[in-house]
Amino acid sequence: MLGPRERRALQALLVAPLSREELDKVAGASNGPALIHRLRNLGFDLPCDKLPTLDRDGAAVYRGEYCLSPADRVRAAALLRGEPAPAELPGQLALPGLPPESEGAA
């Protein structure tokens, strides 16, 4: 299910958020956004926070930083241990590709 790049990316994201450049270096990829896309297709949210910074010319810009949501952390840890990842955590919205919990269900 997880390739070596996905495993390295999730291991690093469990430690700290990563910029695209950091993700490329850690995962051994040259296209971090494609790697994030593959992980999102596996059901991870992987939000990208936009943080203000200055570019090399001193212009104010925003840089993206990928991080694991709380549900992502649970899923990543389970997958990296070789366990099945929980499809959904109590009190959470359904993951992409899975039907939402029906309202009023006990």
PDB file of N, CA and C in Angstrom:
ATOM      1  N   MET A   1       0.826  -1.199   0.000  1.00  0.00           N
ATOM      2  CA  MET A   1       0.000   0.000   0.000  1.00  0.00           C
ATOM      3  C   MET A   1       0.869   1.261   0.000  1.00  0.00           C
ATOM      4  N   LEU A   2       1.832   1.329   0.909  1.00  0.00           N
ATOM      5  CA  LEU A   2       2.725   2.482   0.958  1.00  0.00           C
ATOM      6  C   LEU A   2       4.052   2.119   0.314  1.00  0.00           C
ATOM      7  N   GLY A   3       4.509   2.969  -0.601  1.00  0.00           N
ATOM      8  CA  GLY A   3       5.830   2.797  -1.180  1.00  0.00           C
ATOM      9  C   GLY A   3       6.870   3.415  -0.262  1.00  0.00           C
ATOM     10  N   PRO A   4       8.147   3.254  -0.586  1.00  0.00           N
ATOM     11  CA  PRO A   4       9.205   3.801   0.267  1.00  0.00           C
ATOM     12  C   PRO A   4       9.136   5.326   0.424  1.00  0.00           C
ATOM     13  N   ARG A   5       8.799   6.034  -0.647  1.00  0.00           N
ATOM     14  CA  ARG A   5       8.705   7.502  -0.544  1.00  0.00           C
ATOM     15  C   ARG A   5       7.562   7.921   0.375  1.00  0.00           C
ATOM     16  N   GLU A   6       6.419   7.236   0.239  1.00  0.00           N
ATOM     17  CA  GLU A   6       5.267   7.555   1.088  1.00  0.00           C
ATOM     18  C   GLU A   6       5.600   7.272   2.553  1.00  0.00           C
ATOM     19  N   ARG A   7       6.291   6.155   2.796  1.00  0.00           N
ATOM     20  CA  ARG A   7       6.672   5.795   4.163  1.00  0.00           C
ATOM     21  C   ARG A   7       7.597   6.864   4.759  1.00  0.00           C
ATOM     22  N   ARG A   8       8.610   7.265   3.976  1.00  0.00           N
ATOM     23  CA  ARG A   8       9.547   8.275   4.488  1.00  0.00           C
ATOM     24  C   ARG A   8       8.837   9.602   4.740  1.00  0.00           C
ATOM     25  N   ALA A   9       7.928   9.974   3.849  1.00  0.00           N
ATOM     26  CA  ALA A   9       7.187  11.232   4.021  1.00  0.00           C
ATOM     27  C   ALA A   9       6.336  11.185   5.286  1.00  0.00           C
ATOM     28  N   LEU A  10       5.603  10.094   5.490  1.00  0.00           N
ATOM     29  CA  LEU A  10       4.745   9.995   6.678  1.00  0.00           C
ATOM     30  C   LEU A  10       5.573   9.966   7.956  1.00  0.00           C
ATOM     31  N   GLN A  11       6.691   9.255   7.940  1.00  0.00           N
ATOM     32  CA  GLN A  11       7.557   9.217   9.122  1.00  0.00           C
ATOM     33  C   GLN A  11       8.032  10.615   9.484  1.00  0.00           C
ATOM     34  N   ALA A  12       8.441  11.379   8.487  1.00  0.00           N
ATOM     35  CA  ALA A  12       8.923  12.740   8.739  1.00  0.00           C
ATOM     36  C   ALA A  12       7.785  13.660   9.175  1.00  0.00           C
ATOM     37  N   LEU A  13       6.608  13.513   8.561  1.00  0.00           N
ATOM     38  CA  LEU A  13       5.465  14.366   8.918  1.00  0.00           C
ATOM     39  C   LEU A  13       4.952  14.065  10.326  1.00  0.00           C
ATOM     40  N   LEU A  14       5.201  12.866  10.836  1.00  0.00           N
ATOM     41  CA  LEU A  14       4.839  12.562  12.219  1.00  0.00           C
ATOM     42  C   LEU A  14       5.710  13.357  13.193  1.00  0.00           C
ATOM     43  N   VAL A  15       6.884  13.774  12.739  1.00  0.00           N
ATOM     44  CA  VAL A  15       7.802  14.527  13.589  1.00  0.00           C
ATOM     45  C   VAL A  15       7.503  16.024  13.521  1.00  0.00           C
ATOM     46  N   ALA A  16       7.289  16.536  12.302  1.00  0.00           N
ATOM     47  CA  ALA A  16       7.085  17.984  12.140  1.00  0.00           C
ATOM     48  C   ALA A  16       6.501  18.271  10.761  1.00  0.00           C
ATOM     49  N   PRO A  17       5.821  19.414  10.614  1.00  0.00           N
ATOM     50  CA  PRO A  17       5.354  19.831   9.286  1.00  0.00           C
ATOM     51  C   PRO A  17       6.544  20.034   8.347  1.00  0.00           C
ATOM     52  N   LEU A  18       6.286  19.892   7.040  1.00  0.00           N
ATOM     53  CA  LEU A  18       7.353  20.001   6.043  1.00  0.00           C
ATOM     54  C   LEU A  18       6.945  20.920   4.897  1.00  0.00           C
ATOM     55  N   SER A  19       7.888  21.727   4.454  1.00  0.00           N
ATOM     56  CA  SER A  19       7.686  22.496   3.226  1.00  0.00           C
ATOM     57  C   SER A  19       7.847  21.541   2.051  1.00  0.00           C
ATOM     58  N   ARG A  20       7.507  22.001   0.852  1.00  0.00           N
ATOM     59  CA  ARG A  20       7.664  21.153  -0.326  1.00  0.00           C
ATOM     60  C   ARG A  20       9.128  20.768  -0.521  1.00  0.00           C
ATOM     61  N   GLU A  21      10.010  21.718  -0.329  1.00  0.00           N
ATOM     62  CA  GLU A  21      11.436  21.438  -0.503  1.00  0.00           C
ATOM     63  C   GLU A  21      11.926  20.408   0.514  1.00  0.00           C
ATOM     64  N   GLU A  22      11.486  20.549   1.760  1.00  0.00           N
ATOM     65  CA  GLU A  22      11.868  19.578   2.796  1.00  0.00           C
ATOM     66  C   GLU A  22      11.290  18.198   2.488  1.00  0.00           C
ATOM     67  N   LEU A  23      10.049  18.171   2.012  1.00  0.00           N
ATOM     68  CA  LEU A  23       9.406  16.905   1.657  1.00  0.00           C
ATOM     69  C   LEU A  23      10.180  16.213   0.538  1.00  0.00           C
ATOM     70  N   ASP A  24      10.577  16.952  -0.483  1.00  0.00           N
ATOM     71  CA  ASP A  24      11.366  16.381  -1.580  1.00  0.00           C
ATOM     72  C   ASP A  24      12.627  15.719  -1.040  1.00  0.00           C
ATOM     73  N   LYS A  25      13.327  16.430  -0.156  1.00  0.00           N
ATOM     74  CA  LYS A  25      14.593  15.936   0.377  1.00  0.00           C
ATOM     75  C   LYS A  25      14.376  14.689   1.241  1.00  0.00           C
ATOM     76  N   VAL A  26      13.423  14.741   2.143  1.00  0.00           N
ATOM     77  CA  VAL A  26      13.163  13.631   3.068  1.00  0.00           C
ATOM     78  C   VAL A  26      12.671  12.387   2.338  1.00  0.00           C
ATOM     79  N   ALA A  27      11.760  12.584   1.400  1.00  0.00           N
ATOM     80  CA  ALA A  27      11.141  11.445   0.714  1.00  0.00           C
ATOM     81  C   ALA A  27      11.999  10.911  -0.421  1.00  0.00           C
ATOM     82  N   GLY A  28      12.943  11.718  -0.893  1.00  0.00           N
ATOM     83  CA  GLY A  28      13.724  11.306  -2.048  1.00  0.00           C
ATOM     84  C   GLY A  28      12.941  11.477  -3.334  1.00  0.00           C
ATOM     85  N   ALA A  29      12.079  12.470  -3.346  1.00  0.00           N
ATOM     86  CA  ALA A  29      11.228  12.746  -4.503  1.00  0.00           C
ATOM     87  C   ALA A  29      11.648  14.073  -5.127  1.00  0.00           C
ATOM     88  N   SER A  30      11.272  14.273  -6.378  1.00  0.00           N
ATOM     89  CA  SER A  30      11.526  15.566  -7.001  1.00  0.00           C
ATOM     90  C   SER A  30      10.217  16.304  -7.258  1.00  0.00           C
ATOM     91  N   ASN A  31       9.090  15.691  -6.862  1.00  0.00           N
ATOM     92  CA  ASN A  31       7.781  16.310  -7.054  1.00  0.00           C
ATOM     93  C   ASN A  31       6.929  16.043  -5.815  1.00  0.00           C
ATOM     94  N   GLY A  32       7.216  16.795  -4.755  1.00  0.00           N
ATOM     95  CA  GLY A  32       6.485  16.633  -3.495  1.00  0.00           C
ATOM     96  C   GLY A  32       4.981  16.742  -3.636  1.00  0.00           C
ATOM     97  N   PRO A  33       4.454  17.691  -4.432  1.00  0.00           N
ATOM     98  CA  PRO A  33       3.003  17.778  -4.571  1.00  0.00           C
ATOM     99  C   PRO A  33       2.380  16.498  -5.151  1.00  0.00           C
ATOM    100  N   ALA A  34       3.076  15.814  -6.049  1.00  0.00           N
ATOM    101  CA  ALA A  34       2.553  14.545  -6.584  1.00  0.00           C
ATOM    102  C   ALA A  34       2.535  13.481  -5.491  1.00  0.00           C
ATOM    103  N   LEU A  35       3.541  13.486  -4.631  1.00  0.00           N
ATOM    104  CA  LEU A  35       3.578  12.554  -3.505  1.00  0.00           C
ATOM    105  C   LEU A  35       2.421  12.834  -2.550  1.00  0.00           C
ATOM    106  N   ILE A  36       2.172  14.094  -2.259  1.00  0.00           N
ATOM    107  CA  ILE A  36       1.050  14.470  -1.394  1.00  0.00           C
ATOM    108  C   ILE A  36      -0.262  14.038  -2.045  1.00  0.00           C
ATOM    109  N   HIS A  37      -0.377  14.195  -3.341  1.00  0.00           N
ATOM    110  CA  HIS A  37      -1.581  13.782  -4.065  1.00  0.00           C
ATOM    111  C   HIS A  37      -1.821  12.281  -3.895  1.00  0.00           C
ATOM    112  N   ARG A  38      -0.757  11.481  -4.017  1.00  0.00           N
ATOM    113  CA  ARG A  38      -0.901  10.031  -3.837  1.00  0.00           C
ATOM    114  C   ARG A  38      -1.363   9.703  -2.417  1.00  0.00           C
ATOM    115  N   LEU A  39      -0.798  10.394  -1.431  1.00  0.00           N
ATOM    116  CA  LEU A  39      -1.203  10.148  -0.042  1.00  0.00           C
ATOM    117  C   LEU A  39      -2.649  10.584   0.194  1.00  0.00           C
ATOM    118  N   ARG A  40      -3.051  11.682  -0.403  1.00  0.00           N
ATOM    119  CA  ARG A  40      -4.451  12.115  -0.275  1.00  0.00           C
ATOM    120  C   ARG A  40      -5.389  11.102  -0.916  1.00  0.00           C
ATOM    121  N   ASN A  41      -4.964  10.475  -2.010  1.00  0.00           N
ATOM    122  CA  ASN A  41      -5.781   9.428  -2.632  1.00  0.00           C
ATOM    123  C   ASN A  41      -5.911   8.202  -1.745  1.00  0.00           C
ATOM    124  N   LEU A  42      -4.995   8.049  -0.792  1.00  0.00           N
ATOM    125  CA  LEU A  42      -5.073   6.950   0.179  1.00  0.00           C
ATOM    126  C   LEU A  42      -5.931   7.317   1.387  1.00  0.00           C
ATOM    127  N   GLY A  43      -6.481   8.535   1.391  1.00  0.00           N
ATOM    128  CA  GLY A  43      -7.389   8.948   2.459  1.00  0.00           C
ATOM    129  C   GLY A  43      -6.828   9.935   3.453  1.00  0.00           C
ATOM    130  N   PHE A  44      -5.593  10.397   3.253  1.00  0.00           N
ATOM    131  CA  PHE A  44      -5.020  11.387   4.161  1.00  0.00           C
ATOM    132  C   PHE A  44      -5.520  12.775   3.781  1.00  0.00           C
ATOM    133  N   ASP A  45      -5.741  13.622   4.787  1.00  0.00           N
ATOM    134  CA  ASP A  45      -6.153  15.014   4.543  1.00  0.00           C
ATOM    135  C   ASP A  45      -4.952  15.862   4.118  1.00  0.00           C
ATOM    136  N   LEU A  46      -3.870  15.765   4.858  1.00  0.00           N
ATOM    137  CA  LEU A  46      -2.638  16.506   4.616  1.00  0.00           C
ATOM    138  C   LEU A  46      -2.883  17.974   4.284  1.00  0.00           C
ATOM    139  N   PRO A  47      -3.396  18.744   5.257  1.00  0.00           N
ATOM    140  CA  PRO A  47      -3.592  20.164   4.998  1.00  0.00           C
ATOM    141  C   PRO A  47      -2.267  20.863   4.699  1.00  0.00           C
ATOM    142  N   CYS A  48      -2.359  21.933   3.936  1.00  0.00           N
ATOM    143  CA  CYS A  48      -1.191  22.740   3.594  1.00  0.00           C
ATOM    144  C   CYS A  48      -1.428  24.139   4.154  1.00  0.00           C
ATOM    145  N   ASP A  49      -0.692  24.455   5.211  1.00  0.00           N
ATOM    146  CA  ASP A  49      -0.803  25.779   5.819  1.00  0.00           C
ATOM    147  C   ASP A  49       0.045  26.761   5.032  1.00  0.00           C
ATOM    148  N   LYS A  50      -0.484  27.955   4.817  1.00  0.00           N
ATOM    149  CA  LYS A  50       0.244  29.010   4.110  1.00  0.00           C
ATOM    150  C   LYS A  50       0.851  29.948   5.158  1.00  0.00           C
ATOM    151  N   LEU A  51       2.164  30.010   5.189  1.00  0.00           N
ATOM    152  CA  LEU A  51       2.873  30.801   6.191  1.00  0.00           C
ATOM    153  C   LEU A  51       3.576  31.975   5.525  1.00  0.00           C
ATOM    154  N   PRO A  52       3.445  33.178   6.106  1.00  0.00           N
ATOM    155  CA  PRO A  52       4.101  34.341   5.509  1.00  0.00           C
ATOM    156  C   PRO A  52       5.619  34.244   5.674  1.00  0.00           C
ATOM    157  N   THR A  53       6.321  34.662   4.641  1.00  0.00           N
ATOM    158  CA  THR A  53       7.789  34.678   4.666  1.00  0.00           C
ATOM    159  C   THR A  53       8.269  35.669   3.622  1.00  0.00           C
ATOM    160  N   LEU A  54       9.557  35.841   3.549  1.00  0.00           N
ATOM    161  CA  LEU A  54      10.150  36.698   2.526  1.00  0.00           C
ATOM    162  C   LEU A  54      10.915  35.822   1.547  1.00  0.00           C
ATOM    163  N   ASP A  55      10.786  36.114   0.259  1.00  0.00           N
ATOM    164  CA  ASP A  55      11.558  35.352  -0.720  1.00  0.00           C
ATOM    165  C   ASP A  55      12.982  35.930  -0.800  1.00  0.00           C
ATOM    166  N   ARG A  56      13.800  35.378  -1.658  1.00  0.00           N
ATOM    167  CA  ARG A  56      15.207  35.795  -1.725  1.00  0.00           C
ATOM    168  C   ARG A  56      15.381  37.245  -2.135  1.00  0.00           C
ATOM    169  N   ASP A  57      14.334  37.833  -2.753  1.00  0.00           N
ATOM    170  CA  ASP A  57      14.398  39.234  -3.151  1.00  0.00           C
ATOM    171  C   ASP A  57      13.789  40.167  -2.118  1.00  0.00           C
ATOM    172  N   GLY A  58      13.351  39.607  -0.988  1.00  0.00           N
ATOM    173  CA  GLY A  58      12.774  40.420   0.075  1.00  0.00           C
ATOM    174  C   GLY A  58      11.290  40.699  -0.088  1.00  0.00           C
ATOM    175  N   ALA A  59      10.652  40.081  -1.083  1.00  0.00           N
ATOM    176  CA  ALA A  59       9.215  40.280  -1.284  1.00  0.00           C
ATOM    177  C   ALA A  59       8.434  39.391  -0.309  1.00  0.00           C
ATOM    178  N   ALA A  60       7.347  39.930   0.211  1.00  0.00           N
ATOM    179  CA  ALA A  60       6.484  39.153   1.112  1.00  0.00           C
ATOM    180  C   ALA A  60       5.699  38.127   0.296  1.00  0.00           C
ATOM    181  N   VAL A  61       5.826  36.859   0.676  1.00  0.00           N
ATOM    182  CA  VAL A  61       5.140  35.760  -0.004  1.00  0.00           C
ATOM    183  C   VAL A  61       4.634  34.777   1.051  1.00  0.00           C
ATOM    184  N   TYR A  62       3.907  33.794   0.601  1.00  0.00           N
ATOM    185  CA  TYR A  62       3.460  32.714   1.484  1.00  0.00           C
ATOM    186  C   TYR A  62       4.090  31.416   1.007  1.00  0.00           C
ATOM    187  N   ARG A  63       4.581  30.631   1.946  1.00  0.00           N
ATOM    188  CA  ARG A  63       5.105  29.312   1.606  1.00  0.00           C
ATOM    189  C   ARG A  63       4.194  28.260   2.202  1.00  0.00           C
ATOM    190  N   GLY A  64       4.022  27.188   1.474  1.00  0.00           N
ATOM    191  CA  GLY A  64       3.183  26.109   1.949  1.00  0.00           C
ATOM    192  C   GLY A  64       3.951  25.161   2.846  1.00  0.00           C
ATOM    193  N   GLU A  65       3.249  24.649   3.849  1.00  0.00           N
ATOM    194  CA  GLU A  65       3.833  23.678   4.763  1.00  0.00           C
ATOM    195  C   GLU A  65       2.805  22.573   4.988  1.00  0.00           C
ATOM    196  N   TYR A  66       3.161  21.353   4.586  1.00  0.00           N
ATOM    197  CA  TYR A  66       2.264  20.213   4.741  1.00  0.00           C
ATOM    198  C   TYR A  66       2.336  19.690   6.171  1.00  0.00           C
ATOM    199  N   CYS A  67       1.186  19.286   6.689  1.00  0.00           N
ATOM    200  CA  CYS A  67       1.152  18.719   8.031  1.00  0.00           C
ATOM    201  C   CYS A  67       0.096  17.613   8.079  1.00  0.00           C
ATOM    202  N   LEU A  68       0.168  16.816   9.120  1.00  0.00           N
ATOM    203  CA  LEU A  68      -0.813  15.754   9.323  1.00  0.00           C
ATOM    204  C   LEU A  68      -1.925  16.273  10.217  1.00  0.00           C
ATOM    205  N   SER A  69      -3.161  16.019   9.843  1.00  0.00           N
ATOM    206  CA  SER A  69      -4.289  16.320  10.719  1.00  0.00           C
ATOM    207  C   SER A  69      -4.269  15.303  11.862  1.00  0.00           C
ATOM    208  N   PRO A  70      -5.041  15.513  12.932  1.00  0.00           N
ATOM    209  CA  PRO A  70      -5.086  14.519  14.005  1.00  0.00           C
ATOM    210  C   PRO A  70      -5.477  13.120  13.497  1.00  0.00           C
ATOM    211  N   ALA A  71      -6.438  13.048  12.587  1.00  0.00           N
ATOM    212  CA  ALA A  71      -6.835  11.748  12.037  1.00  0.00           C
ATOM    213  C   ALA A  71      -5.712  11.161  11.188  1.00  0.00           C
ATOM    214  N   ASP A  72      -4.998  12.026  10.445  1.00  0.00           N
ATOM    215  CA  ASP A  72      -3.866  11.574   9.640  1.00  0.00           C
ATOM    216  C   ASP A  72      -2.801  10.934  10.520  1.00  0.00           C
ATOM    217  N   ARG A  73      -2.563  11.527  11.691  1.00  0.00           N
ATOM    218  CA  ARG A  73      -1.532  11.005  12.595  1.00  0.00           C
ATOM    219  C   ARG A  73      -1.861   9.578  13.030  1.00  0.00           C
ATOM    220  N   VAL A  74      -3.132   9.339  13.335  1.00  0.00           N
ATOM    221  CA  VAL A  74      -3.561   7.999  13.748  1.00  0.00           C
ATOM    222  C   VAL A  74      -3.393   7.020  12.590  1.00  0.00           C
ATOM    223  N   ARG A  75      -3.849   7.419  11.411  1.00  0.00           N
ATOM    224  CA  ARG A  75      -3.749   6.557  10.219  1.00  0.00           C
ATOM    225  C   ARG A  75      -2.289   6.283   9.866  1.00  0.00           C
ATOM    226  N   ALA A  76      -1.461   7.322   9.881  1.00  0.00           N
ATOM    227  CA  ALA A  76      -0.053   7.161   9.510  1.00  0.00           C
ATOM    228  C   ALA A  76       0.655   6.217  10.476  1.00  0.00           C
ATOM    229  N   ALA A  77       0.445   6.424  11.766  1.00  0.00           N
ATOM    230  CA  ALA A  77       1.104   5.576  12.758  1.00  0.00           C
ATOM    231  C   ALA A  77       0.690   4.121  12.576  1.00  0.00           C
ATOM    232  N   ALA A  78      -0.592   3.877  12.337  1.00  0.00           N
ATOM    233  CA  ALA A  78      -1.075   2.503  12.145  1.00  0.00           C
ATOM    234  C   ALA A  78      -0.451   1.882  10.898  1.00  0.00           C
ATOM    235  N   LEU A  79      -0.465   2.612   9.785  1.00  0.00           N
ATOM    236  CA  LEU A  79       0.093   2.080   8.541  1.00  0.00           C
ATOM    237  C   LEU A  79       1.586   1.804   8.656  1.00  0.00           C
ATOM    238  N   LEU A  80       2.297   2.682   9.324  1.00  0.00           N
ATOM    239  CA  LEU A  80       3.739   2.499   9.469  1.00  0.00           C
ATOM    240  C   LEU A  80       4.076   1.325  10.381  1.00  0.00           C
ATOM    241  N   ARG A  81       3.161   0.975  11.272  1.00  0.00           N
ATOM    242  CA  ARG A  81       3.338  -0.215  12.120  1.00  0.00           C
ATOM    243  C   ARG A  81       2.901  -1.484  11.405  1.00  0.00           C
ATOM    244  N   GLY A  82       2.344  -1.333  10.206  1.00  0.00           N
ATOM    245  CA  GLY A  82       1.873  -2.493   9.454  1.00  0.00           C
ATOM    246  C   GLY A  82       0.484  -2.942   9.838  1.00  0.00           C
ATOM    247  N   GLU A  83      -0.252  -2.078  10.522  1.00  0.00           N
ATOM    248  CA  GLU A  83      -1.618  -2.374  10.939  1.00  0.00           C
ATOM    249  C   GLU A  83      -2.598  -1.736   9.966  1.00  0.00           C
ATOM    250  N   PRO A  84      -3.820  -2.259   9.887  1.00  0.00           N
ATOM    251  CA  PRO A  84      -4.818  -1.578   9.057  1.00  0.00           C
ATOM    252  C   PRO A  84      -5.140  -0.209   9.664  1.00  0.00           C
ATOM    253  N   ALA A  85      -5.241   0.774   8.800  1.00  0.00           N
ATOM    254  CA  ALA A  85      -5.569   2.120   9.272  1.00  0.00           C
ATOM    255  C   ALA A  85      -7.058   2.209   9.551  1.00  0.00           C
ATOM    256  N   PRO A  86      -7.428   2.871  10.647  1.00  0.00           N
ATOM    257  CA  PRO A  86      -8.857   3.046  10.912  1.00  0.00           C
ATOM    258  C   PRO A  86      -9.496   3.867   9.806  1.00  0.00           C
ATOM    259  N   ALA A  87     -10.655   3.437   9.360  1.00  0.00           N
ATOM    260  CA  ALA A  87     -11.361   4.149   8.294  1.00  0.00           C
ATOM    261  C   ALA A  87     -11.880   5.482   8.790  1.00  0.00           C
ATOM    262  N   GLU A  88     -12.282   5.516  10.035  1.00  0.00           N
ATOM    263  CA  GLU A  88     -12.867   6.740  10.574  1.00  0.00           C
ATOM    264  C   GLU A  88     -12.723   6.731  12.080  1.00  0.00           C
ATOM    265  N   LEU A  89     -12.470   7.887  12.648  1.00  0.00           N
ATOM    266  CA  LEU A  89     -12.382   8.003  14.089  1.00  0.00           C
ATOM    267  C   LEU A  89     -13.710   8.519  14.621  1.00  0.00           C
ATOM    268  N   PRO A  90     -14.097   8.142  15.834  1.00  0.00           N
ATOM    269  CA  PRO A  90     -15.365   8.621  16.380  1.00  0.00           C
ATOM    270  C   PRO A  90     -15.451  10.138  16.380  1.00  0.00           C
ATOM    271  N   GLY A  91     -16.617  10.645  15.992  1.00  0.00           N
ATOM    272  CA  GLY A  91     -16.857  12.081  15.997  1.00  0.00           C
ATOM    273  C   GLY A  91     -16.211  12.824  14.843  1.00  0.00           C
ATOM    274  N   GLN A  92     -15.745  12.115  13.828  1.00  0.00           N
ATOM    275  CA  GLN A  92     -15.078  12.727  12.688  1.00  0.00           C
ATOM    276  C   GLN A  92     -15.902  12.586  11.433  1.00  0.00           C
ATOM    277  N   LEU A  93     -15.647  13.449  10.487  1.00  0.00           N
ATOM    278  CA  LEU A  93     -16.259  13.299   9.177  1.00  0.00           C
ATOM    279  C   LEU A  93     -15.648  12.100   8.475  1.00  0.00           C
ATOM    280  N   ALA A  94     -16.374  11.545   7.533  1.00  0.00           N
ATOM    281  CA  ALA A  94     -15.860  10.407   6.776  1.00  0.00           C
ATOM    282  C   ALA A  94     -14.666  10.822   5.945  1.00  0.00           C
ATOM    283  N   LEU A  95     -13.759   9.880   5.712  1.00  0.00           N
ATOM    284  CA  LEU A  95     -12.610  10.131   4.856  1.00  0.00           C
ATOM    285  C   LEU A  95     -13.050  10.129   3.409  1.00  0.00           C
ATOM    286  N   PRO A  96     -12.311  10.786   2.522  1.00  0.00           N
ATOM    287  CA  PRO A  96     -12.682  10.796   1.107  1.00  0.00           C
ATOM    288  C   PRO A  96     -12.835   9.370   0.575  1.00  0.00           C
ATOM    289  N   GLY A  97     -13.885   9.169  -0.198  1.00  0.00           N
ATOM    290  CA  GLY A  97     -14.135   7.869  -0.794  1.00  0.00           C
ATOM    291  C   GLY A  97     -14.950   6.934   0.069  1.00  0.00           C
ATOM    292  N   LEU A  98     -15.210   7.340   1.314  1.00  0.00           N
ATOM    293  CA  LEU A  98     -16.020   6.511   2.202  1.00  0.00           C
ATOM    294  C   LEU A  98     -17.330   7.232   2.488  1.00  0.00           C
ATOM    295  N   PRO A  99     -18.432   6.495   2.605  1.00  0.00           N
ATOM    296  CA  PRO A  99     -19.707   7.169   2.882  1.00  0.00           C
ATOM    297  C   PRO A  99     -19.703   7.758   4.279  1.00  0.00           C
ATOM    298  N   PRO A 100     -20.338   8.924   4.473  1.00  0.00           N
ATOM    299  CA  PRO A 100     -20.417   9.523   5.812  1.00  0.00           C
ATOM    300  C   PRO A 100     -21.311   8.677   6.706  1.00  0.00           C
ATOM    301  N   GLU A 101     -21.104   8.830   8.004  1.00  0.00           N
ATOM    302  CA  GLU A 101     -21.966   8.134   8.962  1.00  0.00           C
ATOM    303  C   GLU A 101     -23.378   8.660   8.798  1.00  0.00           C
ATOM    304  N   SER A 102     -24.355   7.763   8.866  1.00  0.00           N
ATOM    305  CA  SER A 102     -25.738   8.222   8.740  1.00  0.00           C
ATOM    306  C   SER A 102     -26.126   8.942  10.028  1.00  0.00           C
ATOM    307  N   GLU A 103     -26.881  10.007   9.876  1.00  0.00           N
ATOM    308  CA  GLU A 103     -27.300  10.797  11.023  1.00  0.00           C
ATOM    309  C   GLU A 103     -28.290   9.998  11.858  1.00  0.00           C
ATOM    310  N   GLY A 104     -28.150  10.144  13.146  1.00  0.00           N
ATOM    311  CA  GLY A 104     -29.069   9.466  14.059  1.00  0.00           C
ATOM    312  C   GLY A 104     -28.709   8.026  14.301  1.00  0.00           C
ATOM    313  N   ALA A 105     -27.620   7.537  13.722  1.00  0.00           N
ATOM    314  CA  ALA A 105     -27.227   6.142  13.954  1.00  0.00           C
ATOM    315  C   ALA A 105     -26.714   5.982  15.366  1.00  0.00           C
ATOM    316  N   ALA A 106     -27.023   4.865  15.966  1.00  0.00           N
ATOM    317  CA  ALA A 106     -26.601   4.653  17.350  1.00  0.00           C
ATOM    318  C   ALA A 106     -25.246   4.028  17.416  1.00  0.00           C
TER     319      ALA A 106
END
